[in-house]
ModelCIF file with pLDDT and N, C-alpha, C, O atoms, coordinates in Angstrom:
data_MODEL
#
_entry.id   MODEL 
#
_entity.id                         1 
_entity.type                       polymer 
_entity.pdbx_number_of_molecules   1 
#
_entity_poly.entity_id                      1 
_entity_poly.type                           'polypeptide(L)' 
_entity_poly.nstd_linkage                   no 
_entity_poly.nstd_monomer                   no 
_entity_poly.pdbx_seq_one_letter_code       
;(UNK)(UNK)(UNK)(UNK)(UNK)(UNK)(UNK)(UNK)(UNK)(UNK)(UNK)(UNK)(UNK)(UNK)(UNK)(UNK)
(UNK)(UNK)(UNK)(UNK)(UNK)(UNK)(UNK)(UNK)(UNK)(UNK)(UNK)(UNK)(UNK)(UNK)(UNK)(UNK)
(UNK)(UNK)(UNK)(UNK)(UNK)(UNK)(UNK)(UNK)
;
_entity_poly.pdbx_seq_one_letter_code_can   XXXXXXXXXXXXXXXXXXXXXXXXXXXXXXXXXXXXXXXX 
_entity_poly.pdbx_strand_id                 A 
#
loop_
_entity_poly_seq.entity_id 
_entity_poly_seq.num 
_entity_poly_seq.mon_id 
_entity_poly_seq.hetero 
1 1  UNK n 
1 2  UNK n 
1 3  UNK n 
1 4  UNK n 
1 5  UNK n 
1 6  UNK n 
1 7  UNK n 
1 8  UNK n 
1 9  UNK n 
1 10 UNK n 
1 11 UNK n 
1 12 UNK n 
1 13 UNK n 
1 14 UNK n 
1 15 UNK n 
1 16 UNK n 
1 17 UNK n 
1 18 UNK n 
1 19 UNK n 
1 20 UNK n 
1 21 UNK n 
1 22 UNK n 
1 23 UNK n 
1 24 UNK n 
1 25 UNK n 
1 26 UNK n 
1 27 UNK n 
1 28 UNK n 
1 29 UNK n 
1 30 UNK n 
1 31 UNK n 
1 32 UNK n 
1 33 UNK n 
1 34 UNK n 
1 35 UNK n 
1 36 UNK n 
1 37 UNK n 
1 38 UNK n 
1 39 UNK n 
1 40 UNK n 
#
_struct_asym.id          A 
_struct_asym.entity_id   1 
#
loop_
_ma_qa_metric.id 
_ma_qa_metric.mode 
_ma_qa_metric.name 
_ma_qa_metric.software_group_id 
_ma_qa_metric.type 
1 global pLDDT . pLDDT 
2 local  pLDDT . pLDDT 
#
_ma_qa_metric_global.metric_id      1 
_ma_qa_metric_global.metric_value   96.53 
_ma_qa_metric_global.model_id       1 
_ma_qa_metric_global.ordinal_id     1 
#
loop_
_ma_qa_metric_local.label_asym_id 
_ma_qa_metric_local.label_comp_id 
_ma_qa_metric_local.label_seq_id 
_ma_qa_metric_local.metric_id 
_ma_qa_metric_local.metric_value 
_ma_qa_metric_local.model_id 
_ma_qa_metric_local.ordinal_id 
A UNK 1  2 98.00 1 1  
A UNK 2  2 98.00 1 2  
A UNK 3  2 98.00 1 3  
A UNK 4  2 98.00 1 4  
A UNK 5  2 97.00 1 5  
A UNK 6  2 97.00 1 6  
A UNK 7  2 97.00 1 7  
A UNK 8  2 97.00 1 8  
A UNK 9  2 97.00 1 9  
A UNK 10 2 97.00 1 10 
A UNK 11 2 95.00 1 11 
A UNK 12 2 93.00 1 12 
A UNK 13 2 94.00 1 13 
A UNK 14 2 96.00 1 14 
A UNK 15 2 95.00 1 15 
A UNK 16 2 97.00 1 16 
A UNK 17 2 97.00 1 17 
A UNK 18 2 97.00 1 18 
A UNK 19 2 97.00 1 19 
A UNK 20 2 93.00 1 20 
A UNK 21 2 92.00 1 21 
A UNK 22 2 91.00 1 22 
A UNK 23 2 94.00 1 23 
A UNK 24 2 94.00 1 24 
A UNK 25 2 96.00 1 25 
A UNK 26 2 96.00 1 26 
A UNK 27 2 97.00 1 27 
A UNK 28 2 97.00 1 28 
A UNK 29 2 98.00 1 29 
A UNK 30 2 98.00 1 30 
A UNK 31 2 98.00 1 31 
A UNK 32 2 98.00 1 32 
A UNK 33 2 98.00 1 33 
A UNK 34 2 98.00 1 34 
A UNK 35 2 98.00 1 35 
A UNK 36 2 98.00 1 36 
A UNK 37 2 98.00 1 37 
A UNK 38 2 98.00 1 38 
A UNK 39 2 98.00 1 39 
A UNK 40 2 98.00 1 40 
#
loop_
_atom_site.group_PDB 
_atom_site.id 
_atom_site.type_symbol 
_atom_site.label_atom_id 
_atom_site.label_alt_id 
_atom_site.label_comp_id 
_atom_site.label_asym_id 
_atom_site.label_entity_id 
_atom_site.label_seq_id 
_atom_site.pdbx_PDB_ins_code 
_atom_site.Cartn_x 
_atom_site.Cartn_y 
_atom_site.Cartn_z 
_atom_site.occupancy 
_atom_site.B_iso_or_equiv 
_atom_site.pdbx_formal_charge 
_atom_site.auth_seq_id 
_atom_site.auth_comp_id 
_atom_site.auth_asym_id 
_atom_site.auth_atom_id 
_atom_site.pdbx_PDB_model_num 
ATOM 1   N N  . UNK A 1 1  ? 5.377   -11.913 5.693  1.00 98.00 ? 1  UNK A N  1 
ATOM 2   C CA . UNK A 1 1  ? 6.434   -12.653 6.392  1.00 98.00 ? 1  UNK A CA 1 
ATOM 3   C C  . UNK A 1 1  ? 7.811   -12.017 6.180  1.00 98.00 ? 1  UNK A C  1 
ATOM 4   O O  . UNK A 1 1  ? 8.767   -12.352 6.879  1.00 98.00 ? 1  UNK A O  1 
ATOM 5   N N  . UNK A 1 2  ? 7.906   -11.100 5.214  1.00 98.00 ? 2  UNK A N  1 
ATOM 6   C CA . UNK A 1 2  ? 9.144   -10.355 4.990  1.00 98.00 ? 2  UNK A CA 1 
ATOM 7   C C  . UNK A 1 2  ? 8.808   -9.104  4.187  1.00 98.00 ? 2  UNK A C  1 
ATOM 8   O O  . UNK A 1 2  ? 7.831   -9.073  3.438  1.00 98.00 ? 2  UNK A O  1 
ATOM 9   N N  . UNK A 1 3  ? 9.636   -8.072  4.357  1.00 98.00 ? 3  UNK A N  1 
ATOM 10  C CA . UNK A 1 3  ? 9.431   -6.836  3.591  1.00 98.00 ? 3  UNK A CA 1 
ATOM 11  C C  . UNK A 1 3  ? 10.740  -6.087  3.445  1.00 98.00 ? 3  UNK A C  1 
ATOM 12  O O  . UNK A 1 3  ? 11.681  -6.299  4.210  1.00 98.00 ? 3  UNK A O  1 
ATOM 13  N N  . UNK A 1 4  ? 10.791  -5.209  2.454  1.00 98.00 ? 4  UNK A N  1 
ATOM 14  C CA . UNK A 1 4  ? 11.969  -4.377  2.223  1.00 98.00 ? 4  UNK A CA 1 
ATOM 15  C C  . UNK A 1 4  ? 12.000  -3.240  3.236  1.00 98.00 ? 4  UNK A C  1 
ATOM 16  O O  . UNK A 1 4  ? 10.991  -2.904  3.856  1.00 98.00 ? 4  UNK A O  1 
ATOM 17  N N  . UNK A 1 5  ? 13.171  -2.666  3.384  1.00 97.00 ? 5  UNK A N  1 
ATOM 18  C CA . UNK A 1 5  ? 13.282  -1.438  4.183  1.00 97.00 ? 5  UNK A CA 1 
ATOM 19  C C  . UNK A 1 5  ? 12.814  -0.251  3.343  1.00 97.00 ? 5  UNK A C  1 
ATOM 20  O O  . UNK A 1 5  ? 12.219  0.697   3.855  1.00 97.00 ? 5  UNK A O  1 
ATOM 21  N N  . UNK A 1 6  ? 13.097  -0.327  2.035  1.00 97.00 ? 6  UNK A N  1 
ATOM 22  C CA . UNK A 1 6  ? 12.755  0.753   1.103  1.00 97.00 ? 6  UNK A CA 1 
ATOM 23  C C  . UNK A 1 6  ? 11.245  0.909   1.016  1.00 97.00 ? 6  UNK A C  1 
ATOM 24  O O  . UNK A 1 6  ? 10.505  -0.073  0.983  1.00 97.00 ? 6  UNK A O  1 
ATOM 25  N N  . UNK A 1 7  ? 10.802  2.158   0.979  1.00 97.00 ? 7  UNK A N  1 
ATOM 26  C CA . UNK A 1 7  ? 9.369   2.460   0.883  1.00 97.00 ? 7  UNK A CA 1 
ATOM 27  C C  . UNK A 1 7  ? 9.020   2.914   -0.536 1.00 97.00 ? 7  UNK A C  1 
ATOM 28  O O  . UNK A 1 7  ? 9.864   3.406   -1.285 1.00 97.00 ? 7  UNK A O  1 
ATOM 29  N N  . UNK A 1 8  ? 7.741   2.727   -0.872 1.00 97.00 ? 8  UNK A N  1 
ATOM 30  C CA . UNK A 1 8  ? 7.216   3.173   -2.165 1.00 97.00 ? 8  UNK A CA 1 
ATOM 31  C C  . UNK A 1 8  ? 5.833   3.762   -1.927 1.00 97.00 ? 8  UNK A C  1 
ATOM 32  O O  . UNK A 1 8  ? 5.193   3.484   -0.912 1.00 97.00 ? 8  UNK A O  1 
ATOM 33  N N  . UNK A 1 9  ? 5.382   4.577   -2.872 1.00 97.00 ? 9  UNK A N  1 
ATOM 34  C CA . UNK A 1 9  ? 4.048   5.177   -2.768 1.00 97.00 ? 9  UNK A CA 1 
ATOM 35  C C  . UNK A 1 9  ? 3.559   5.529   -4.163 1.00 97.00 ? 9  UNK A C  1 
ATOM 36  O O  . UNK A 1 9  ? 4.355   5.744   -5.078 1.00 97.00 ? 9  UNK A O  1 
ATOM 37  N N  . UNK A 1 10 ? 2.253   5.584   -4.314 1.00 97.00 ? 10 UNK A N  1 
ATOM 38  C CA . UNK A 1 10 ? 1.664   5.999   -5.590 1.00 97.00 ? 10 UNK A CA 1 
ATOM 39  C C  . UNK A 1 10 ? 1.776   7.517   -5.723 1.00 97.00 ? 10 UNK A C  1 
ATOM 40  O O  . UNK A 1 10 ? 1.551   8.252   -4.761 1.00 97.00 ? 10 UNK A O  1 
ATOM 41  N N  . UNK A 1 11 ? 2.121   7.969   -6.905 1.00 95.00 ? 11 UNK A N  1 
ATOM 42  C CA . UNK A 1 11 ? 2.351   9.394   -7.147 1.00 95.00 ? 11 UNK A CA 1 
ATOM 43  C C  . UNK A 1 11 ? 1.155   10.264  -6.770 1.00 95.00 ? 11 UNK A C  1 
ATOM 44  O O  . UNK A 1 11 ? 1.324   11.364  -6.243 1.00 95.00 ? 11 UNK A O  1 
ATOM 45  N N  . UNK A 1 12 ? -0.060  9.768   -7.042 1.00 93.00 ? 12 UNK A N  1 
ATOM 46  C CA . UNK A 1 12 ? -1.257  10.564  -6.776 1.00 93.00 ? 12 UNK A CA 1 
ATOM 47  C C  . UNK A 1 12 ? -1.979  10.169  -5.498 1.00 93.00 ? 12 UNK A C  1 
ATOM 48  O O  . UNK A 1 12 ? -3.138  10.535  -5.300 1.00 93.00 ? 12 UNK A O  1 
ATOM 49  N N  . UNK A 1 13 ? -1.304  9.423   -4.629 1.00 94.00 ? 13 UNK A N  1 
ATOM 50  C CA . UNK A 1 13 ? -1.948  8.960   -3.408 1.00 94.00 ? 13 UNK A CA 1 
ATOM 51  C C  . UNK A 1 13 ? -2.814  7.735   -3.699 1.00 94.00 ? 13 UNK A C  1 
ATOM 52  O O  . UNK A 1 13 ? -2.799  7.209   -4.812 1.00 94.00 ? 13 UNK A O  1 
ATOM 53  N N  . UNK A 1 14 ? -3.564  7.287   -2.701 1.00 96.00 ? 14 UNK A N  1 
ATOM 54  C CA . UNK A 1 14 ? -4.395  6.088   -2.848 1.00 96.00 ? 14 UNK A CA 1 
ATOM 55  C C  . UNK A 1 14 ? -5.869  6.445   -2.737 1.00 96.00 ? 14 UNK A C  1 
ATOM 56  O O  . UNK A 1 14 ? -6.238  7.494   -2.210 1.00 96.00 ? 14 UNK A O  1 
ATOM 57  N N  . UNK A 1 15 ? -6.693  5.550   -3.244 1.00 95.00 ? 15 UNK A N  1 
ATOM 58  C CA . UNK A 1 15 ? -8.139  5.668   -3.104 1.00 95.00 ? 15 UNK A CA 1 
ATOM 59  C C  . UNK A 1 15 ? -8.658  4.378   -2.505 1.00 95.00 ? 15 UNK A C  1 
ATOM 60  O O  . UNK A 1 15 ? -7.911  3.413   -2.346 1.00 95.00 ? 15 UNK A O  1 
ATOM 61  N N  . UNK A 1 16 ? -9.943  4.361   -2.171 1.00 97.00 ? 16 UNK A N  1 
ATOM 62  C CA . UNK A 1 16 ? -10.510 3.185   -1.524 1.00 97.00 ? 16 UNK A CA 1 
ATOM 63  C C  . UNK A 1 16 ? -12.007 3.158   -1.769 1.00 97.00 ? 16 UNK A C  1 
ATOM 64  O O  . UNK A 1 16 ? -12.671 4.193   -1.719 1.00 97.00 ? 16 UNK A O  1 
ATOM 65  N N  . UNK A 1 17 ? -12.543 1.956   -2.037 1.00 97.00 ? 17 UNK A N  1 
ATOM 66  C CA . UNK A 1 17 ? -13.987 1.803   -2.236 1.00 97.00 ? 17 UNK A CA 1 
ATOM 67  C C  . UNK A 1 17 ? -14.784 2.287   -1.030 1.00 97.00 ? 17 UNK A C  1 
ATOM 68  O O  . UNK A 1 17 ? -15.907 2.769   -1.175 1.00 97.00 ? 17 UNK A O  1 
ATOM 69  N N  . UNK A 1 18 ? -14.200 2.157   0.162  1.00 97.00 ? 18 UNK A N  1 
ATOM 70  C CA . UNK A 1 18 ? -14.921 2.469   1.398  1.00 97.00 ? 18 UNK A CA 1 
ATOM 71  C C  . UNK A 1 18 ? -14.750 3.905   1.867  1.00 97.00 ? 18 UNK A C  1 
ATOM 72  O O  . UNK A 1 18 ? -15.300 4.288   2.900  1.00 97.00 ? 18 UNK A O  1 
ATOM 73  N N  . UNK A 1 19 ? -13.997 4.704   1.121  1.00 97.00 ? 19 UNK A N  1 
ATOM 74  C CA . UNK A 1 19 ? -13.734 6.079   1.556  1.00 97.00 ? 19 UNK A CA 1 
ATOM 75  C C  . UNK A 1 19 ? -14.146 7.034   0.440  1.00 97.00 ? 19 UNK A C  1 
ATOM 76  O O  . UNK A 1 19 ? -13.554 7.042   -0.640 1.00 97.00 ? 19 UNK A O  1 
ATOM 77  N N  . UNK A 1 20 ? -15.150 7.822   0.713  1.00 93.00 ? 20 UNK A N  1 
ATOM 78  C CA . UNK A 1 20 ? -15.639 8.773   -0.300 1.00 93.00 ? 20 UNK A CA 1 
ATOM 79  C C  . UNK A 1 20 ? -15.031 10.157  -0.113 1.00 93.00 ? 20 UNK A C  1 
ATOM 80  O O  . UNK A 1 20 ? -15.005 10.950  -1.054 1.00 93.00 ? 20 UNK A O  1 
ATOM 81  N N  . UNK A 1 21 ? -14.531 10.466  1.109  1.00 92.00 ? 21 UNK A N  1 
ATOM 82  C CA . UNK A 1 21 ? -13.903 11.766  1.363  1.00 92.00 ? 21 UNK A CA 1 
ATOM 83  C C  . UNK A 1 21 ? -12.516 11.807  0.717  1.00 92.00 ? 21 UNK A C  1 
ATOM 84  O O  . UNK A 1 21 ? -11.885 10.771  0.512  1.00 92.00 ? 21 UNK A O  1 
ATOM 85  N N  . UNK A 1 22 ? -12.057 13.010  0.403  1.00 91.00 ? 22 UNK A N  1 
ATOM 86  C CA . UNK A 1 22 ? -10.712 13.182  -0.145 1.00 91.00 ? 22 UNK A CA 1 
ATOM 87  C C  . UNK A 1 22 ? -9.688  13.102  0.988  1.00 91.00 ? 22 UNK A C  1 
ATOM 88  O O  . UNK A 1 22 ? -9.853  13.736  2.030  1.00 91.00 ? 22 UNK A O  1 
ATOM 89  N N  . UNK A 1 23 ? -8.641  12.324  0.778  1.00 94.00 ? 23 UNK A N  1 
ATOM 90  C CA . UNK A 1 23 ? -7.508  12.237  1.707  1.00 94.00 ? 23 UNK A CA 1 
ATOM 91  C C  . UNK A 1 23 ? -6.260  12.265  0.842  1.00 94.00 ? 23 UNK A C  1 
ATOM 92  O O  . UNK A 1 23 ? -5.730  11.223  0.458  1.00 94.00 ? 23 UNK A O  1 
ATOM 93  N N  . UNK A 1 24 ? -5.797  13.475  0.540  1.00 94.00 ? 24 UNK A N  1 
ATOM 94  C CA . UNK A 1 24 ? -4.662  13.613  -0.365 1.00 94.00 ? 24 UNK A CA 1 
ATOM 95  C C  . UNK A 1 24 ? -3.350  13.487  0.385  1.00 94.00 ? 24 UNK A C  1 
ATOM 96  O O  . UNK A 1 24 ? -3.211  13.927  1.526  1.00 94.00 ? 24 UNK A O  1 
ATOM 97  N N  . UNK A 1 25 ? -2.382  12.864  -0.302 1.00 96.00 ? 25 UNK A N  1 
ATOM 98  C CA . UNK A 1 25 ? -1.039  12.765  0.259  1.00 96.00 ? 25 UNK A CA 1 
ATOM 99  C C  . UNK A 1 25 ? -0.387  11.447  -0.085 1.00 96.00 ? 25 UNK A C  1 
ATOM 100 O O  . UNK A 1 25 ? -1.021  10.526  -0.600 1.00 96.00 ? 25 UNK A O  1 
ATOM 101 N N  . UNK A 1 26 ? 0.904   11.382  0.216  1.00 96.00 ? 26 UNK A N  1 
ATOM 102 C CA . UNK A 1 26 ? 1.713   10.197  -0.021 1.00 96.00 ? 26 UNK A CA 1 
ATOM 103 C C  . UNK A 1 26 ? 1.391   9.160   1.052  1.00 96.00 ? 26 UNK A C  1 
ATOM 104 O O  . UNK A 1 26 ? 1.324   9.476   2.240  1.00 96.00 ? 26 UNK A O  1 
ATOM 105 N N  . UNK A 1 27 ? 1.192   7.903   0.609  1.00 97.00 ? 27 UNK A N  1 
ATOM 106 C CA . UNK A 1 27 ? 0.924   6.794   1.531  1.00 97.00 ? 27 UNK A CA 1 
ATOM 107 C C  . UNK A 1 27 ? 2.134   5.860   1.459  1.00 97.00 ? 27 UNK A C  1 
ATOM 108 O O  . UNK A 1 27 ? 2.186   4.982   0.598  1.00 97.00 ? 27 UNK A O  1 
ATOM 109 N N  . UNK A 1 28 ? 3.108   6.046   2.361  1.00 97.00 ? 28 UNK A N  1 
ATOM 110 C CA . UNK A 1 28 ? 4.318   5.220   2.289  1.00 97.00 ? 28 UNK A CA 1 
ATOM 111 C C  . UNK A 1 28 ? 4.042   3.766   2.676  1.00 97.00 ? 28 UNK A C  1 
ATOM 112 O O  . UNK A 1 28 ? 3.410   3.485   3.694  1.00 97.00 ? 28 UNK A O  1 
ATOM 113 N N  . UNK A 1 29 ? 4.534   2.851   1.837  1.00 98.00 ? 29 UNK A N  1 
ATOM 114 C CA . UNK A 1 29 ? 4.383   1.410   2.083  1.00 98.00 ? 29 UNK A CA 1 
ATOM 115 C C  . UNK A 1 29 ? 5.696   0.725   1.723  1.00 98.00 ? 29 UNK A C  1 
ATOM 116 O O  . UNK A 1 29 ? 6.566   1.332   1.098  1.00 98.00 ? 29 UNK A O  1 
ATOM 117 N N  . UNK A 1 30 ? 5.840   -0.533  2.115  1.00 98.00 ? 30 UNK A N  1 
ATOM 118 C CA . UNK A 1 30 ? 7.039   -1.276  1.734  1.00 98.00 ? 30 UNK A CA 1 
ATOM 119 C C  . UNK A 1 30 ? 7.058   -1.465  0.220  1.00 98.00 ? 30 UNK A C  1 
ATOM 120 O O  . UNK A 1 30 ? 6.036   -1.777  -0.391 1.00 98.00 ? 30 UNK A O  1 
ATOM 121 N N  . UNK A 1 31 ? 8.235   -1.273  -0.378 1.00 98.00 ? 31 UNK A N  1 
ATOM 122 C CA . UNK A 1 31 ? 8.354   -1.432  -1.829 1.00 98.00 ? 31 UNK A CA 1 
ATOM 123 C C  . UNK A 1 31 ? 8.223   -2.901  -2.241 1.00 98.00 ? 31 UNK A C  1 
ATOM 124 O O  . UNK A 1 31 ? 7.734   -3.204  -3.329 1.00 98.00 ? 31 UNK A O  1 
ATOM 125 N N  . UNK A 1 32 ? 8.663   -3.809  -1.366 1.00 98.00 ? 32 UNK A N  1 
ATOM 126 C CA . UNK A 1 32 ? 8.561   -5.255  -1.631 1.00 98.00 ? 32 UNK A CA 1 
ATOM 127 C C  . UNK A 1 32 ? 8.009   -5.954  -0.396 1.00 98.00 ? 32 UNK A C  1 
ATOM 128 O O  . UNK A 1 32 ? 8.370   -5.618  0.732  1.00 98.00 ? 32 UNK A O  1 
ATOM 129 N N  . UNK A 1 33 ? 7.138   -6.923  -0.616 1.00 98.00 ? 33 UNK A N  1 
ATOM 130 C CA . UNK A 1 33 ? 6.630   -7.736  0.484  1.00 98.00 ? 33 UNK A CA 1 
ATOM 131 C C  . UNK A 1 33 ? 6.580   -9.204  0.067  1.00 98.00 ? 33 UNK A C  1 
ATOM 132 O O  . UNK A 1 33 ? 6.409   -9.533  -1.107 1.00 98.00 ? 33 UNK A O  1 
ATOM 133 N N  . UNK A 1 34 ? 6.733   -10.068 1.055  1.00 98.00 ? 34 UNK A N  1 
ATOM 134 C CA . UNK A 1 34 ? 6.515   -11.503 0.847  1.00 98.00 ? 34 UNK A CA 1 
ATOM 135 C C  . UNK A 1 34 ? 5.343   -11.881 1.745  1.00 98.00 ? 34 UNK A C  1 
ATOM 136 O O  . UNK A 1 34 ? 5.334   -11.588 2.941  1.00 98.00 ? 34 UNK A O  1 
ATOM 137 N N  . UNK A 1 35 ? 4.355   -12.539 1.141  1.00 98.00 ? 35 UNK A N  1 
ATOM 138 C CA . UNK A 1 35 ? 3.099   -12.879 1.818  1.00 98.00 ? 35 UNK A CA 1 
ATOM 139 C C  . UNK A 1 35 ? 2.959   -14.396 1.880  1.00 98.00 ? 35 UNK A C  1 
ATOM 140 O O  . UNK A 1 35 ? 3.277   -15.106 0.927  1.00 98.00 ? 35 UNK A O  1 
ATOM 141 N N  . UNK A 1 36 ? 2.480   -14.870 3.014  1.00 98.00 ? 36 UNK A N  1 
ATOM 142 C CA . UNK A 1 36 ? 2.082   -16.273 3.113  1.00 98.00 ? 36 UNK A CA 1 
ATOM 143 C C  . UNK A 1 36 ? 0.571   -16.272 3.297  1.00 98.00 ? 36 UNK A C  1 
ATOM 144 O O  . UNK A 1 36 ? 0.045   -15.541 4.136  1.00 98.00 ? 36 UNK A O  1 
ATOM 145 N N  . UNK A 1 37 ? -0.135  -17.097 2.506  1.00 98.00 ? 37 UNK A N  1 
ATOM 146 C CA . UNK A 1 37 ? -1.597  -17.117 2.551  1.00 98.00 ? 37 UNK A CA 1 
ATOM 147 C C  . UNK A 1 37 ? -2.099  -18.397 1.896  1.00 98.00 ? 37 UNK A C  1 
ATOM 148 O O  . UNK A 1 37 ? -1.339  -19.138 1.272  1.00 98.00 ? 37 UNK A O  1 
ATOM 149 N N  . UNK A 1 38 ? -3.390  -18.635 2.053  1.00 98.00 ? 38 UNK A N  1 
ATOM 150 C CA . UNK A 1 38 ? -4.052  -19.687 1.290  1.00 98.00 ? 38 UNK A CA 1 
ATOM 151 C C  . UNK A 1 38 ? -4.679  -18.997 0.090  1.00 98.00 ? 38 UNK A C  1 
ATOM 152 O O  . UNK A 1 38 ? -5.473  -18.069 0.248  1.00 98.00 ? 38 UNK A O  1 
ATOM 153 N N  . UNK A 1 39 ? -4.321  -19.451 -1.123 1.00 98.00 ? 39 UNK A N  1 
ATOM 154 C CA . UNK A 1 39 ? -4.887  -18.870 -2.340 1.00 98.00 ? 39 UNK A CA 1 
ATOM 155 C C  . UNK A 1 39 ? -6.003  -19.783 -2.830 1.00 98.00 ? 39 UNK A C  1 
ATOM 156 O O  . UNK A 1 39 ? -5.764  -20.920 -3.238 1.00 98.00 ? 39 UNK A O  1 
ATOM 157 N N  . UNK A 1 40 ? -7.223  -19.263 -2.783 1.00 98.00 ? 40 UNK A N  1 
ATOM 158 C CA . UNK A 1 40 ? -8.390  -20.045 -3.191 1.00 98.00 ? 40 UNK A CA 1 
ATOM 159 C C  . UNK A 1 40 ? -8.322  -20.446 -4.669 1.00 98.00 ? 40 UNK A C  1 
ATOM 160 O O  . UNK A 1 40 ? -9.229  -21.109 -5.171 1.00 98.00 ? 40 UNK A O  1 
#
């Protein structure tokens, strides 16, 4: 519902349970986010 303009990324890139291939590089994302959700 809201996010910063500033971006952040993990130094070594990201990984994923569903991706076995290598995909190296910076993954820019919002440094801050506000989320609305139902928390079980």
